[in-house]
Amino acid sequence: MAEKGKTTDNRSMHVTILGVLGILFAIIGAAIIAIPGMPGRGSGIGTGLVVIGVVLLVIAFLRLYYKRP
């Protein structure tokens, strides 16, 4: 019987997903804030998305930093 090893590390996948979502939310939020005529501009949606994006990036960084093997 051959040993089967894990091919991916779940922590790395979680960090990658959180990082990508954080970057996307931050970019979309900045676009809503900066582009005149964007739907939702002035309602706080853009600022909320930027804040959520930054929080997700911080969580991804902390998860990567503290969960090192």
C-alpha atoms as a PDB file:
ATOM      1  CA  MET A   1       0.000   0.000   0.000  1.00  0.00           C
ATOM      2  CA  ALA A   2       1.330   3.365  -0.988  1.00  0.00           C
ATOM      3  CA  GLU A   3       1.177   6.360   1.267  1.00  0.00           C
ATOM      4  CA  LYS A   4      -1.045   9.150   0.073  1.00  0.00           C
ATOM      5  CA  GLY A   5       0.066  12.650   0.935  1.00  0.00           C
ATOM      6  CA  LYS A   6      -1.874  15.848   0.880  1.00  0.00           C
ATOM      7  CA  THR A   7      -1.351  17.657  -2.371  1.00  0.00           C
ATOM      8  CA  THR A   8      -2.454  21.095  -1.165  1.00  0.00           C
ATOM      9  CA  ASP A   9      -2.344  22.894   2.125  1.00  0.00           C
ATOM     10  CA  ASN A  10      -5.711  24.248   3.225  1.00  0.00           C
ATOM     11  CA  ARG A  11      -4.143  27.217   5.003  1.00  0.00           C
ATOM     12  CA  SER A  12      -2.496  28.371   1.797  1.00  0.00           C
ATOM     13  CA  MET A  13      -5.754  28.031  -0.092  1.00  0.00           C
ATOM     14  CA  HIS A  14      -7.644  30.054   2.527  1.00  0.00           C
ATOM     15  CA  VAL A  15      -5.008  32.774   2.472  1.00  0.00           C
ATOM     16  CA  THR A  16      -5.122  32.906  -1.326  1.00  0.00           C
ATOM     17  CA  ILE A  17      -8.912  33.123  -1.427  1.00  0.00           C
ATOM     18  CA  LEU A  18      -9.018  35.818   1.261  1.00  0.00           C
ATOM     19  CA  GLY A  19      -6.287  37.792  -0.489  1.00  0.00           C
ATOM     20  CA  VAL A  20      -7.955  37.662  -3.890  1.00  0.00           C
ATOM     21  CA  LEU A  21     -11.348  38.632  -2.462  1.00  0.00           C
ATOM     22  CA  GLY A  22      -9.759  41.457  -0.481  1.00  0.00           C
ATOM     23  CA  ILE A  23      -8.031  42.858  -3.554  1.00  0.00           C
ATOM     24  CA  LEU A  24     -11.207  42.586  -5.658  1.00  0.00           C
ATOM     25  CA  PHE A  25     -13.368  44.303  -3.024  1.00  0.00           C
ATOM     26  CA  ALA A  26     -10.813  47.083  -2.580  1.00  0.00           C
ATOM     27  CA  ILE A  27     -10.533  47.713  -6.340  1.00  0.00           C
ATOM     28  CA  ILE A  28     -14.301  47.670  -6.899  1.00  0.00           C
ATOM     29  CA  GLY A  29     -14.847  49.972  -3.918  1.00  0.00           C
ATOM     30  CA  ALA A  30     -12.178  52.401  -5.128  1.00  0.00           C
ATOM     31  CA  ALA A  31     -13.762  52.403  -8.581  1.00  0.00           C
ATOM     32  CA  ILE A  32     -17.190  53.207  -7.121  1.00  0.00           C
ATOM     33  CA  ILE A  33     -15.675  56.044  -5.113  1.00  0.00           C
ATOM     34  CA  ALA A  34     -13.531  57.526  -7.896  1.00  0.00           C
ATOM     35  CA  ILE A  35     -15.505  57.186 -11.146  1.00  0.00           C
ATOM     36  CA  PRO A  36     -18.164  59.855 -11.662  1.00  0.00           C
ATOM     37  CA  GLY A  37     -21.557  58.494 -12.619  1.00  0.00           C
ATOM     38  CA  MET A  38     -21.036  55.056 -11.062  1.00  0.00           C
ATOM     39  CA  PRO A  39     -24.178  53.481  -9.614  1.00  0.00           C
ATOM     40  CA  GLY A  40     -24.070  53.583  -5.840  1.00  0.00           C
ATOM     41  CA  ARG A  41     -21.713  56.525  -5.682  1.00  0.00           C
ATOM     42  CA  GLY A  42     -22.391  58.631  -2.604  1.00  0.00           C
ATOM     43  CA  SER A  43     -24.299  55.907  -0.799  1.00  0.00           C
ATOM     44  CA  GLY A  44     -21.360  54.502   1.147  1.00  0.00           C
ATOM     45  CA  ILE A  45     -21.162  51.242  -0.784  1.00  0.00           C
ATOM     46  CA  GLY A  46     -17.731  52.089  -2.181  1.00  0.00           C
ATOM     47  CA  THR A  47     -16.313  52.962   1.220  1.00  0.00           C
ATOM     48  CA  GLY A  48     -17.794  49.813   2.708  1.00  0.00           C
ATOM     49  CA  LEU A  49     -16.242  47.652  -0.003  1.00  0.00           C
ATOM     50  CA  VAL A  50     -12.836  49.260   0.488  1.00  0.00           C
ATOM     51  CA  VAL A  51     -13.027  48.682   4.249  1.00  0.00           C
ATOM     52  CA  ILE A  52     -14.109  45.052   3.780  1.00  0.00           C
ATOM     53  CA  GLY A  53     -11.315  44.519   1.249  1.00  0.00           C
ATOM     54  CA  VAL A  54      -8.666  45.896   3.595  1.00  0.00           C
ATOM     55  CA  VAL A  55      -9.988  43.808   6.494  1.00  0.00           C
ATOM     56  CA  LEU A  56      -9.861  40.650   4.349  1.00  0.00           C
ATOM     57  CA  LEU A  57      -6.286  41.458   3.310  1.00  0.00           C
ATOM     58  CA  VAL A  58      -5.258  41.964   6.949  1.00  0.00           C
ATOM     59  CA  ILE A  59      -6.892  38.669   7.943  1.00  0.00           C
ATOM     60  CA  ALA A  60      -5.126  36.882   5.074  1.00  0.00           C
ATOM     61  CA  PHE A  61      -1.773  38.338   6.106  1.00  0.00           C
ATOM     62  CA  LEU A  62      -2.247  37.436   9.770  1.00  0.00           C
ATOM     63  CA  ARG A  63      -3.391  33.933   8.877  1.00  0.00           C
ATOM     64  CA  LEU A  64      -0.345  33.440   6.672  1.00  0.00           C
ATOM     65  CA  TYR A  65       2.032  34.919   9.252  1.00  0.00           C
ATOM     66  CA  TYR A  66       0.800  33.046  12.350  1.00  0.00           C
ATOM     67  CA  LYS A  67      -0.065  29.686  10.792  1.00  0.00           C
ATOM     68  CA  ARG A  68       3.392  28.965   9.401  1.00  0.00           C
ATOM     69  CA  PRO A  69       4.411  25.326   9.957  1.00  0.00           C
END
